[in-house]
Every structure is written in C-alpha cells, then in structure tokens.
Amino acid sequence: MSPVAATALNKVYGLKVAMKNQFLLLLAVIITACSSQKQEAPAPELSLADTPAEVPLSSLALPVTISYADIEKRINKEIGQLLYEDRDFENNGIDNVKLVVKRTGNIRMTALNQYFQFTVPLEIWVEGRVKSSLGGIFSPQQAPQLTKNAVFKLEVTLSSKLEPQADWSVKTQSVVNFKWTESPVLDFGLVKLPIGGLIEKTVASQLNKLGSQIDAEAKKYLQFKPLIEKYWQELQQPIRINGSFPAVLYILPEAISLGPIQPGTAAITLQTGIQAKIVMTTDTLLSRPPLRPMPALQKGLLTEPDVNLMLTASLSYAQLSQLAQQNIGGQTFEFEGGKHKIKLEQISISGLGTTMQARIRLKGSAKAGLFGKKKIDGVYYFTGTPYYDSAKQEIRIKDFDFDVKSRDLLLKSAEWLFKSNFKKQVEAQLRYPMGKELSLLKKTAESALNKPFSPELTLSGKIVKLEPTELRLEAGQLVIYVQSTGSLSVNLK
C-alpha cells in the first residue's frame, strides 16, 4: 500500500473512532439521564402542641327537695309532750301559781315567704291561789285561801330562716310569737284574777327554750350535705353509650353553689348549681379520673343552666391513610403537556401535635435535555396543618408543602416539581368528610345526656349546636375536639 493510501485510510479510521466515541458518550449521557436512583428522605421531626385542648365549664342545675313531712316526723319524735311543769305555789318568790305546759298535737311545718314556720298546739294548765289575812285577823300562815285552776289552749308559731354556711352547716334562729285568744283569768266567784302577767314571762321563757330545741332538731335533720354529696359522687360515674358510635360520658364537677333556700307549700327546695367539665369521648382517650371530693359551698346567685359538652372523636392513622390512598393513591399527574409525569404510588398519614405529615412514594420521569429522561423514584414527606372546614363539613389540610429535607433531595432530581401545582393537587384531594359522623355524634351525645345515673338521678338534655373546634395529632390517631352547646338538667325522682 502506498504511503498516500495508508494516510487516507488512517484518516478515515480515525474519523470512525471519533464518531464512535462521540456516540458512546452521547449514549452514556442518555443512559445517565434515563437512569433512576432510589431516594429515601428522612422523616420530619415533629413536636407536641404547646397547650392541650381546653374543656369549657358547664352549669348544671340540681334541685334538691326535702319534704316538710319528713322533718315534722323527726321533730315530733324528738320533742316530748310535757314542756314545762311547776306544781308548787311557794317557789318563784311565792308566786301562788302552779303551771303545766303540754304539747297537745303534732308540730306542723309550713312556710311564709322566705321563712319557715313551725306551729305548736299547746295546752296550759294553771292553778292560782288567793290568800287573805282579812285585815290582819289572820297571820299569813293561817290566812284562809282560795284556789282555782283552768285550762287554756293556744297555738304558738315559731318563724325561722335557714342560712347555709360555707362549711355546709345550717344556721337558724327561731322567733317565737304567741297571742292569747282571750286573756287568761281565774274566776273565784266574787273575785276574778287576771293571771296573764303572772304566767306570760314563764310561758315565753319556756317557748324560747322550745324554739331553741326545734332549731337544734331542724339543723340536725336539715343536714343536706350528705344528700348532695351522694348526688355529687353519682354524677361522676361514667355513662357508657353502646351502638354504632360507642362512647363514654364523663362529668367532672369542680364547684358547687347554693342559691337562697326556697320554702314551698309542701317541701324545701334547694337550688344547687354545679360547675363541671363534661366530656364525651368515642375512644379510650380519657381514662376514668378519680372521684373529686365535694368542695366548700359557694353562696350566691346561680347561673342559667347550660351545657358546653366537649366531644372527642378519633380517626386512626390507619383510617386516614386508607382514605388518602383511596382518594389519591395510584394517580398519575402530567405537567407541561405530558413532558413530565409523576405517579403517587402510595401515601400514608401520621403526625404529632398540630402537624400532619404525609409519607409519599413517587415514581415518574421528566424530560432532560434533547433526548434524555430523568427518572424519579423515592419516598418523600409533606407536612401541613389539619383544620375543619365548617362550610363543607370536612377535615382539610392547609400550608401543605414538602418537608425541608425532602425538598433538598427533589431539588437535585426534580426541580421542575416545585414550579408545578403538584402539591396543590395533592392538598385538594386530602379531605375527610365529617357531616355523617357529626350527625351520628350529635345523636350519641343526646343519648348520653338523657341517661339515668341511678334510680333517683337522671339527666335530661338537648344539643343545640355542634362544631369541631380543634384537631390534635396524638400517637396513633387524630383527635377531633367537638364543642357542643345546649341545655342540661339533673332530675331527681
């Protein structure tokens, strides 16, 4: 081969080698562009919310009645028939009067305005003695005497106003009133001796003693603390509600007040007001708290009975993940006329405090350069804040965005994703309808507010308004705090 031919051949060979190398380089670029590398972003670090959800106070009215018949029965048993006996003319400074005061019937209890009245039927036996020396003819010891006795009947009224004290004792002081229907007189024939002035002081003294005795007995039998304390403890017993929405109702009393005692025609009515936190949970979110002892009594005007019932419902992360997967899992999103495609293969929900996170597995490809495609294959995290949309009755997500560490990874492999509306599309489909659940929750709550605590104590209530107010993410579940308002009363049989 001639040198010229060899040189030409070498040039052609070199050109082929150069073209081959360029092709291999381009192929490598294309392969590199189309290759995928699995990525796994670290999970975000979440923290608990600063303050727990606040349970508002409710006002419960607990009317307690004590019948007069019960008090009368006990007082009549304790107070005897004979109230006073003096059968000696010579005592009390030789007053020449014998006096016996007896109770002839049962003590009756009634009321007038704010005062209680105890009416006591009495019989007063009086014997009087008249002695005369007949102008000094006879000595005082030998002077002739006349005696005469008579029986007088009257009714004595004792008025009393009961005042409960902070230590739950009862302060009462009866005021005795009595009036002769006719002035007591002993008739000796030629001489009529008025004895009202002689016996009134003694009768009044004995009646004041009777008043003190009735006060003591009334205070003994008007110890309403044990009765109210019994109801206080019964209110704290949890009520379980079975059905399609199992729940437990807790009443957590904190304070108790008592308005003025109201005397009725046949009974005393104690208007008791209880301040309490009322919670109904649909899960084991609240363990049974210990019984709270009854605090000191607060006196004053009672607030109108109302109920601010805090309902708590929960959705497990497994439920949330399943709903999210049904709504958005497996969807493919296209951008820029199909230039970029990404598939959301799997989504799972969890969170802590007020931050919800979505763990998302993405697979897709994006056009890279003239010929290549860059593939995406990895696990990334979104975070956002759940909230309740009252207009649509849905739990939705706001401030939904890639977590910082996931963003750093995707900036290297899919920067275009941040210029798209991908996160908005995902956010729009992460919604959890609550209308049906809230309707069922209201029905369950009203069922709980119309339950008996005991054969004597029952609740009677109605839910007027019900609205989710706060969402908290706890270990394993999203807790929904639902504020409801209405009326609630405690009824005693």
Protein backbone atom coordinates (compact mmCIF):
# COMPACT_ATOMS: atom_id res chain seq x y z
CA MET A 1 0.00 0.00 0.00
CA SER A 2 1.31 3.38 -0.96
CA PRO A 3 2.04 5.96 1.76
CA VAL A 4 -0.74 8.19 0.41
CA ALA A 5 -3.30 5.41 0.58
CA ALA A 6 -2.20 4.49 4.10
CA THR A 7 -2.55 8.07 5.23
CA ALA A 8 -6.04 8.32 3.76
CA LEU A 9 -7.04 5.05 5.39
CA ASN A 10 -5.80 6.25 8.78
CA LYS A 11 -7.81 9.46 8.47
CA VAL A 12 -10.99 7.51 7.70
CA TYR A 13 -10.35 5.10 10.58
CA GLY A 14 -9.66 7.96 12.97
CA LEU A 15 -12.87 9.67 11.94
CA LYS A 16 -14.84 6.47 12.61
CA VAL A 17 -13.22 6.08 16.02
CA ALA A 18 -14.01 9.69 16.88
CA MET A 19 -17.59 9.29 15.76
CA LYS A 20 -17.90 6.08 17.76
CA ASN A 21 -16.54 7.73 20.87
CA GLN A 22 -18.96 10.63 20.47
CA PHE A 23 -21.84 8.20 20.04
CA LEU A 24 -20.79 6.27 23.12
CA LEU A 25 -20.51 9.49 25.06
CA LEU A 26 -23.97 10.59 23.91
CA LEU A 27 -25.35 7.15 24.77
CA ALA A 28 -23.82 7.40 28.20
CA VAL A 29 -25.39 10.80 28.66
CA ILE A 30 -28.77 9.44 27.59
CA ILE A 31 -28.45 6.37 29.82
CA THR A 32 -27.42 8.59 32.68
CA ALA A 33 -30.33 10.89 32.02
CA CYS A 34 -32.77 7.98 31.90
CA SER A 35 -31.31 6.14 34.85
CA SER A 36 -33.05 6.30 38.23
CA GLN A 37 -31.68 6.23 41.71
CA LYS A 38 -33.99 5.47 44.58
CA GLN A 39 -34.17 8.18 47.20
CA GLU A 40 -35.38 7.96 50.79
CA ALA A 41 -35.92 11.28 52.56
CA PRO A 42 -35.68 11.26 56.37
CA ALA A 43 -38.93 11.75 58.28
CA PRO A 44 -39.53 15.25 59.68
CA GLU A 45 -39.03 15.91 63.37
CA LEU A 46 -42.38 16.90 64.87
CA SER A 47 -43.21 18.27 68.31
CA LEU A 48 -46.29 18.32 70.51
CA ALA A 49 -48.55 21.36 70.64
CA ASP A 50 -47.82 23.86 73.35
CA THR A 51 -51.17 23.72 75.13
CA PRO A 52 -53.76 20.98 75.42
CA ALA A 53 -57.30 21.46 74.28
CA GLU A 54 -59.33 23.39 76.85
CA VAL A 55 -62.59 21.91 78.08
CA PRO A 56 -65.08 24.70 78.92
CA LEU A 57 -67.18 24.70 82.06
CA SER A 58 -70.86 23.84 82.08
CA SER A 59 -73.54 24.86 84.57
CA LEU A 60 -75.84 22.17 85.90
CA ALA A 61 -78.92 22.78 88.00
CA LEU A 62 -79.51 20.20 90.72
CA PRO A 63 -82.79 20.96 92.53
CA VAL A 64 -82.99 19.05 95.81
CA THR A 65 -86.24 18.85 97.75
CA ILE A 66 -86.76 17.94 101.39
CA SER A 67 -90.39 17.39 102.36
CA TYR A 68 -91.87 19.03 105.44
CA ALA A 69 -93.49 15.73 106.36
CA ASP A 70 -90.09 14.11 106.84
CA ILE A 71 -88.87 16.95 109.05
CA GLU A 72 -92.13 17.03 111.05
CA LYS A 73 -91.95 13.29 111.68
CA ARG A 74 -88.44 13.50 113.09
CA ILE A 75 -89.01 16.64 115.19
CA ASN A 76 -92.21 15.27 116.73
CA LYS A 77 -90.37 12.11 117.65
CA GLU A 78 -87.61 14.01 119.43
CA ILE A 79 -89.61 16.70 121.26
CA GLY A 80 -91.74 15.32 124.11
CA GLN A 81 -95.27 16.19 125.17
CA LEU A 82 -94.51 17.79 128.53
CA LEU A 83 -92.69 21.07 128.01
CA TYR A 84 -92.88 22.66 131.49
CA GLU A 85 -94.17 21.66 134.94
CA ASP A 86 -94.41 23.75 138.14
CA ARG A 87 -96.72 22.37 140.85
CA ASP A 88 -95.59 24.49 143.77
CA PHE A 89 -97.24 27.71 144.94
CA GLU A 90 -94.29 28.62 147.11
CA ASN A 91 -91.47 28.68 144.54
CA ASN A 92 -90.53 31.52 142.22
CA GLY A 93 -90.79 34.00 145.10
CA ILE A 94 -94.11 32.55 146.32
CA ASP A 95 -95.91 33.43 143.10
CA ASN A 96 -99.05 31.45 144.14
CA VAL A 97 -99.19 29.88 140.68
CA LYS A 98 -98.83 26.33 139.51
CA LEU A 99 -98.20 25.94 135.78
CA VAL A 100 -98.01 22.96 133.40
CA VAL A 101 -97.35 23.41 129.63
CA LYS A 102 -98.03 20.47 127.35
CA ARG A 103 -97.93 19.86 123.64
CA THR A 104 -101.31 18.52 122.59
CA GLY A 105 -100.65 17.68 118.94
CA ASN A 106 -98.02 17.34 116.28
CA ILE A 107 -95.75 20.20 115.38
CA ARG A 108 -96.64 21.35 111.87
CA MET A 109 -94.21 22.87 109.40
CA THR A 110 -95.23 25.39 106.75
CA ALA A 111 -93.64 28.35 105.01
CA LEU A 112 -94.36 32.01 104.51
CA ASN A 113 -92.23 33.97 102.02
CA GLN A 114 -88.60 33.15 102.89
CA TYR A 115 -89.43 31.94 106.39
CA PHE A 116 -90.29 28.53 107.73
CA GLN A 117 -92.98 28.30 110.35
CA PHE A 118 -93.39 25.67 112.99
CA THR A 119 -96.84 25.67 114.60
CA VAL A 120 -97.09 24.04 118.03
CA PRO A 121 -100.52 23.36 119.62
CA LEU A 122 -100.25 23.85 123.38
CA GLU A 123 -102.36 23.29 126.46
CA ILE A 124 -101.59 25.42 129.52
CA TRP A 125 -102.93 24.26 132.87
CA VAL A 126 -102.87 26.97 135.54
CA GLU A 127 -103.85 26.83 139.20
CA GLY A 128 -103.90 30.05 141.16
CA ARG A 129 -104.08 30.67 144.91
CA VAL A 130 -105.61 33.66 146.70
CA LYS A 131 -104.86 34.23 150.44
CA SER A 132 -106.24 37.00 152.66
CA SER A 133 -105.47 37.93 156.32
CA LEU A 134 -108.87 39.70 156.47
CA GLY A 135 -107.44 42.91 157.69
CA GLY A 136 -104.79 41.32 159.93
CA ILE A 137 -107.10 38.95 161.76
CA PHE A 138 -105.15 36.00 160.41
CA SER A 139 -101.42 35.52 160.18
CA PRO A 140 -100.00 34.85 156.75
CA GLN A 141 -99.57 31.20 157.64
CA GLN A 142 -103.14 30.83 158.89
CA ALA A 143 -104.88 33.10 156.42
CA PRO A 144 -107.73 31.45 154.53
CA GLN A 145 -107.05 30.70 150.88
CA LEU A 146 -108.94 30.01 147.74
CA THR A 147 -107.54 28.02 144.79
CA LYS A 148 -108.79 27.77 141.26
CA ASN A 149 -107.49 26.09 138.14
CA ALA A 150 -108.23 26.41 134.47
CA VAL A 151 -107.00 25.09 131.15
CA PHE A 152 -106.13 27.36 128.26
CA LYS A 153 -105.33 26.30 124.71
CA LEU A 154 -103.25 28.24 122.21
CA GLU A 155 -101.11 27.74 119.14
CA VAL A 156 -97.58 29.02 119.10
CA THR A 157 -95.82 29.95 115.87
CA LEU A 158 -92.04 29.82 115.54
CA SER A 159 -90.66 31.57 112.45
CA SER A 160 -87.19 30.72 111.20
CA LYS A 161 -84.97 31.49 108.24
CA LEU A 162 -82.38 28.90 107.30
CA GLU A 163 -78.97 30.12 106.17
CA PRO A 164 -76.50 27.57 104.75
CA GLN A 165 -72.88 28.18 105.67
CA ALA A 166 -69.70 27.59 103.64
CA ASP A 167 -68.89 24.52 105.76
CA TRP A 168 -72.33 23.11 104.81
CA SER A 169 -73.79 23.66 108.28
CA VAL A 170 -77.18 25.37 108.65
CA LYS A 171 -77.70 28.50 110.70
CA THR A 172 -81.22 29.02 112.02
CA GLN A 173 -82.80 31.02 114.82
CA SER A 174 -86.50 30.82 115.53
CA VAL A 175 -88.54 33.77 116.71
CA VAL A 176 -91.46 32.80 118.94
CA ASN A 177 -94.82 34.51 118.52
CA PHE A 178 -97.88 33.76 120.55
CA LYS A 179 -101.04 35.60 121.38
CA TRP A 180 -103.85 34.82 123.79
CA THR A 181 -107.13 34.41 122.05
CA GLU A 182 -108.64 35.73 125.30
CA SER A 183 -106.86 36.99 128.39
CA PRO A 184 -106.34 34.14 130.90
CA VAL A 185 -108.40 34.80 134.05
CA LEU A 186 -109.11 32.65 137.09
CA ASP A 187 -112.68 33.13 138.29
CA PHE A 188 -113.07 32.86 142.08
CA GLY A 189 -116.65 33.95 142.00
CA LEU A 190 -116.58 37.31 143.71
CA VAL A 191 -113.01 37.78 142.57
CA LYS A 192 -111.70 37.38 139.01
CA LEU A 193 -107.94 37.18 138.98
CA PRO A 194 -106.11 38.08 135.70
CA ILE A 195 -103.10 35.80 135.51
CA GLY A 196 -101.72 36.75 132.10
CA GLY A 197 -98.99 38.88 133.63
CA LEU A 198 -98.15 36.12 136.13
CA ILE A 199 -97.64 33.36 133.58
CA GLU A 200 -96.60 35.10 130.35
CA LYS A 201 -92.99 35.53 131.41
CA THR A 202 -92.73 31.85 132.31
CA VAL A 203 -94.60 30.73 129.18
CA ALA A 204 -92.41 32.94 126.95
CA SER A 205 -89.26 31.58 128.60
CA GLN A 206 -90.38 28.00 128.00
CA LEU A 207 -91.41 28.75 124.44
CA ASN A 208 -87.98 30.27 123.73
CA LYS A 209 -86.47 27.05 125.03
CA LEU A 210 -88.85 25.16 122.74
CA GLY A 211 -87.71 27.35 119.85
CA SER A 212 -84.06 26.56 120.61
CA GLN A 213 -84.92 22.88 120.76
CA ILE A 214 -86.72 22.99 117.44
CA ASP A 215 -83.78 24.90 115.94
CA ALA A 216 -81.41 22.21 117.14
CA GLU A 217 -83.59 19.43 115.76
CA ALA A 218 -84.17 21.26 112.48
CA LYS A 219 -80.42 21.75 111.97
CA LYS A 220 -79.90 18.09 112.74
CA TYR A 221 -82.38 16.97 110.13
CA LEU A 222 -81.61 19.67 107.60
CA GLN A 223 -78.07 18.48 107.07
CA PHE A 224 -78.37 18.41 103.31
CA LYS A 225 -74.65 17.95 102.70
CA PRO A 226 -74.81 14.11 102.84
CA LEU A 227 -77.69 14.15 100.35
CA ILE A 228 -75.99 16.48 97.87
CA GLU A 229 -72.65 14.71 98.37
CA LYS A 230 -74.33 11.48 97.33
CA TYR A 231 -75.53 13.10 94.10
CA TRP A 232 -72.11 14.76 93.62
CA GLN A 233 -70.49 11.33 93.59
CA GLU A 234 -73.18 9.77 91.40
CA LEU A 235 -72.66 12.47 88.77
CA GLN A 236 -69.04 11.39 88.43
CA GLN A 237 -69.87 7.84 87.44
CA PRO A 238 -69.10 7.39 83.71
CA ILE A 239 -72.03 6.61 81.44
CA ARG A 240 -71.33 4.18 78.61
CA ILE A 241 -73.27 4.52 75.38
CA ASN A 242 -73.39 1.49 73.13
CA GLY A 243 -74.32 1.42 69.47
CA SER A 244 -72.75 2.30 66.15
CA PHE A 245 -70.77 5.11 67.79
CA PRO A 246 -69.69 3.70 71.18
CA ALA A 247 -68.79 6.43 73.64
CA VAL A 248 -68.33 7.27 77.31
CA LEU A 249 -69.70 10.38 79.03
CA TYR A 250 -67.76 11.91 81.92
CA ILE A 251 -68.97 14.71 84.19
CA LEU A 252 -66.09 16.27 86.12
CA PRO A 253 -67.56 18.66 88.74
CA GLU A 254 -65.36 21.46 90.04
CA ALA A 255 -67.52 23.81 92.14
CA ILE A 256 -70.92 23.91 93.78
CA SER A 257 -73.08 26.83 94.80
CA LEU A 258 -76.40 27.25 96.54
CA GLY A 259 -78.97 29.93 95.98
CA PRO A 260 -81.50 31.07 98.57
CA ILE A 261 -83.44 28.21 100.09
CA GLN A 262 -86.95 28.32 98.70
CA PRO A 263 -89.77 27.24 101.02
CA GLY A 264 -92.60 25.64 99.09
CA THR A 265 -96.07 24.55 100.07
CA ALA A 266 -95.00 21.02 100.98
CA ALA A 267 -91.22 20.95 100.77
CA ILE A 268 -87.97 22.88 100.90
CA THR A 269 -86.28 23.31 97.54
CA LEU A 270 -82.52 23.72 97.43
CA GLN A 271 -81.43 25.29 94.15
CA THR A 272 -77.98 23.83 93.73
CA GLY A 273 -75.70 24.83 90.87
CA ILE A 274 -72.75 22.70 89.83
CA GLN A 275 -69.89 23.91 87.65
CA ALA A 276 -68.46 20.95 85.75
CA LYS A 277 -66.46 19.93 82.73
CA ILE A 278 -68.40 17.49 80.58
CA VAL A 279 -66.59 15.28 78.11
CA MET A 280 -67.88 12.56 75.83
CA THR A 281 -65.18 10.54 74.14
CA THR A 282 -65.65 8.00 71.40
CA ASP A 283 -62.45 6.25 72.25
CA THR A 284 -60.32 5.48 75.28
CA LEU A 285 -58.94 9.00 75.12
CA LEU A 286 -59.84 9.80 78.72
CA SER A 287 -59.24 7.25 81.42
CA ARG A 288 -61.65 7.33 84.33
CA PRO A 289 -60.47 10.06 86.70
CA PRO A 290 -60.58 9.63 90.48
CA LEU A 291 -63.67 10.87 92.30
CA ARG A 292 -63.39 14.52 93.27
CA PRO A 293 -64.38 15.42 96.83
CA MET A 294 -67.15 17.98 97.27
CA PRO A 295 -65.63 21.43 97.80
CA ALA A 296 -66.70 24.23 100.15
CA LEU A 297 -70.11 25.64 99.44
CA GLN A 298 -70.31 28.88 97.47
CA LYS A 299 -73.28 31.07 98.17
CA GLY A 300 -74.72 33.41 95.61
CA LEU A 301 -76.86 33.69 92.53
CA LEU A 302 -76.93 30.68 90.28
CA THR A 303 -76.11 30.92 86.60
CA GLU A 304 -78.56 29.74 83.99
CA PRO A 305 -78.24 26.00 83.38
CA ASP A 306 -76.37 25.32 80.15
CA VAL A 307 -74.09 22.66 78.82
CA ASN A 308 -70.82 23.08 76.98
CA LEU A 309 -70.19 19.50 76.13
CA MET A 310 -66.73 18.69 74.77
CA LEU A 311 -66.96 15.70 72.49
CA THR A 312 -63.85 13.92 71.36
CA ALA A 313 -63.77 11.60 68.39
CA SER A 314 -60.78 9.99 66.78
CA LEU A 315 -59.58 8.76 63.41
CA SER A 316 -56.66 6.36 63.48
CA TYR A 317 -53.73 6.96 61.17
CA ALA A 318 -54.58 3.66 59.53
CA GLN A 319 -58.05 5.04 58.68
CA LEU A 320 -56.63 8.34 57.47
CA SER A 321 -54.06 6.54 55.33
CA GLN A 322 -56.69 4.27 53.83
CA LEU A 323 -58.92 7.22 52.94
CA ALA A 324 -55.99 9.12 51.45
CA GLN A 325 -54.92 6.10 49.42
CA GLN A 326 -58.47 5.72 48.08
CA ASN A 327 -58.62 9.40 47.12
CA ILE A 328 -55.21 9.92 45.58
CA GLY A 329 -53.11 6.75 45.68
CA GLY A 330 -52.14 5.41 42.27
CA GLN A 331 -52.88 8.65 40.42
CA THR A 332 -50.54 9.88 37.68
CA PHE A 333 -50.03 13.61 37.25
CA GLU A 334 -48.84 15.16 33.98
CA PHE A 335 -47.28 18.57 33.55
CA GLU A 336 -46.29 20.71 30.59
CA GLY A 337 -48.36 18.69 28.11
CA GLY A 338 -47.02 15.32 29.23
CA LYS A 339 -43.39 16.41 29.31
CA HIS A 340 -43.24 15.45 32.99
CA LYS A 341 -45.15 12.58 34.52
CA ILE A 342 -45.23 11.50 38.11
CA LYS A 343 -47.24 8.80 39.85
CA LEU A 344 -48.17 8.93 43.51
CA GLU A 345 -47.96 5.23 44.23
CA GLN A 346 -48.54 5.19 47.95
CA ILE A 347 -49.47 7.62 50.71
CA SER A 348 -49.62 7.15 54.48
CA ILE A 349 -50.66 9.68 57.11
CA SER A 350 -49.30 10.32 60.58
CA GLY A 351 -48.47 13.34 62.72
CA LEU A 352 -47.92 14.91 66.10
CA GLY A 353 -49.34 17.92 67.86
CA THR A 354 -50.88 20.16 65.21
CA THR A 355 -48.71 18.96 62.29
CA MET A 356 -49.84 16.22 59.94
CA GLN A 357 -47.32 14.52 57.71
CA ALA A 358 -47.86 12.52 54.54
CA ARG A 359 -45.28 9.92 53.55
CA ILE A 360 -45.50 9.69 49.76
CA ARG A 361 -43.86 7.26 47.36
CA LEU A 362 -43.33 8.88 43.95
CA LYS A 363 -42.35 7.34 40.62
CA GLY A 364 -42.07 9.29 37.43
CA SER A 365 -39.97 10.74 34.68
CA ALA A 366 -39.13 14.16 33.35
CA LYS A 367 -37.64 15.18 30.04
CA ALA A 368 -33.99 16.02 30.49
CA GLY A 369 -32.28 17.66 27.58
CA LEU A 370 -32.89 16.81 23.90
CA PHE A 371 -33.13 13.04 24.13
CA GLY A 372 -33.00 12.02 27.78
CA LYS A 373 -35.46 11.48 30.57
CA LYS A 374 -34.66 11.79 34.21
CA LYS A 375 -36.48 9.32 36.38
CA ILE A 376 -37.80 9.89 39.91
CA ASP A 377 -38.15 7.03 42.36
CA GLY A 378 -38.25 7.72 46.06
CA VAL A 379 -40.05 8.36 49.33
CA TYR A 380 -40.68 11.95 50.36
CA TYR A 381 -42.59 13.80 53.06
CA PHE A 382 -45.18 16.55 53.01
CA THR A 383 -46.28 18.40 56.14
CA GLY A 384 -49.35 20.53 56.76
CA THR A 385 -51.88 21.62 59.34
CA PRO A 386 -55.27 19.90 59.51
CA TYR A 387 -58.31 22.11 60.03
CA TYR A 388 -62.07 21.83 59.95
CA ASP A 389 -63.91 23.49 57.07
CA SER A 390 -67.32 24.24 58.59
CA ALA A 391 -68.89 25.24 55.26
CA LYS A 392 -68.10 21.86 53.69
CA GLN A 393 -68.06 19.85 56.93
CA GLU A 394 -64.68 18.39 56.05
CA ILE A 395 -61.28 17.98 57.62
CA ARG A 396 -58.79 19.52 55.21
CA ILE A 397 -55.09 20.43 55.11
CA LYS A 398 -53.55 23.89 54.85
CA ASP A 399 -49.93 25.04 54.49
CA PHE A 400 -49.25 21.77 52.69
CA ASP A 401 -45.70 21.59 51.38
CA PHE A 402 -42.63 19.40 51.07
CA ASP A 403 -40.60 18.96 54.21
CA VAL A 404 -37.22 20.71 54.09
CA LYS A 405 -35.16 17.54 53.74
CA SER A 406 -37.44 16.12 51.07
CA ARG A 407 -37.25 19.43 49.23
CA ASP A 408 -33.44 19.25 49.22
CA LEU A 409 -33.49 15.81 47.57
CA LEU A 410 -36.09 16.78 44.97
CA LEU A 411 -34.26 19.96 44.03
CA LYS A 412 -31.48 17.74 42.73
CA SER A 413 -33.71 15.34 40.83
CA ALA A 414 -36.95 17.17 40.01
CA GLU A 415 -36.60 20.90 40.38
CA TRP A 416 -39.49 21.35 37.96
CA LEU A 417 -41.83 19.80 40.55
CA PHE A 418 -41.66 22.96 42.63
CA LYS A 419 -42.80 25.07 39.71
CA SER A 420 -45.85 22.88 39.15
CA ASN A 421 -49.12 22.76 41.03
CA PHE A 422 -48.47 19.19 42.18
CA LYS A 423 -48.67 19.92 45.92
CA LYS A 424 -51.88 21.91 45.40
CA GLN A 425 -53.44 18.98 43.59
CA VAL A 426 -52.47 16.61 46.39
CA GLU A 427 -53.66 19.04 49.05
CA ALA A 428 -57.03 19.46 47.32
CA GLN A 429 -57.70 15.71 47.46
CA LEU A 430 -56.68 15.21 51.09
CA ARG A 431 -60.12 15.79 52.60
CA TYR A 432 -62.15 13.81 55.07
CA PRO A 433 -65.96 14.36 55.07
CA MET A 434 -67.39 14.70 58.59
CA GLY A 435 -71.09 15.50 58.03
CA LYS A 436 -72.35 11.98 58.60
CA GLU A 437 -70.03 11.43 61.55
CA LEU A 438 -71.09 14.70 63.22
CA SER A 439 -74.76 13.84 62.82
CA LEU A 440 -74.14 10.47 64.43
CA LEU A 441 -72.04 12.12 67.14
CA LYS A 442 -74.88 14.52 67.99
CA LYS A 443 -77.32 11.64 68.23
CA THR A 444 -74.95 9.77 70.52
CA ALA A 445 -74.36 12.87 72.67
CA GLU A 446 -78.09 13.45 73.15
CA SER A 447 -78.48 9.82 74.07
CA ALA A 448 -75.77 10.29 76.72
CA LEU A 449 -77.47 13.42 78.07
CA ASN A 450 -80.71 11.55 78.69
CA LYS A 451 -79.44 8.68 80.77
CA PRO A 452 -80.02 7.71 84.41
CA PHE A 453 -77.13 7.72 86.86
CA SER A 454 -79.17 5.87 89.44
CA PRO A 455 -82.83 5.09 90.20
CA GLU A 456 -83.08 8.59 91.73
CA LEU A 457 -80.85 10.68 89.48
CA THR A 458 -81.35 11.19 85.74
CA LEU A 459 -80.10 13.61 83.12
CA SER A 460 -82.27 15.50 80.69
CA GLY A 461 -80.53 17.41 77.92
CA LYS A 462 -80.55 18.57 74.33
CA ILE A 463 -77.74 19.52 71.92
CA VAL A 464 -78.44 22.79 70.08
CA LYS A 465 -75.15 23.37 68.27
CA LEU A 466 -72.23 21.12 67.48
CA GLU A 467 -68.97 22.25 65.86
CA PRO A 468 -65.41 20.83 65.69
CA THR A 469 -63.07 23.41 67.20
CA GLU A 470 -59.66 21.78 67.39
CA LEU A 471 -57.67 18.94 65.90
CA ARG A 472 -54.78 17.26 67.68
CA LEU A 473 -52.47 14.57 66.37
CA GLU A 474 -51.53 12.04 69.00
CA ALA A 475 -49.78 8.71 68.98
CA GLY A 476 -51.70 6.58 66.52
CA GLN A 477 -54.68 8.84 65.92
CA LEU A 478 -56.10 12.21 65.01
CA VAL A 479 -58.28 13.52 67.85
CA ILE A 480 -61.18 15.79 66.90
CA TYR A 481 -62.45 18.09 69.66
CA VAL A 482 -66.07 18.98 69.02
CA GLN A 483 -67.66 21.79 71.01
CA SER A 484 -71.39 21.50 71.55
CA THR A 485 -73.83 23.73 73.37
CA GLY A 486 -77.29 23.05 74.64
CA SER A 487 -79.29 22.56 77.82
CA LEU A 488 -78.89 20.03 80.58
CA SER A 489 -80.69 19.49 83.84
CA VAL A 490 -80.44 16.93 86.58
CA ASN A 491 -83.73 15.43 87.69
CA LEU A 492 -84.44 13.75 90.98
CA LYS A 493 -87.25 11.26 91.44
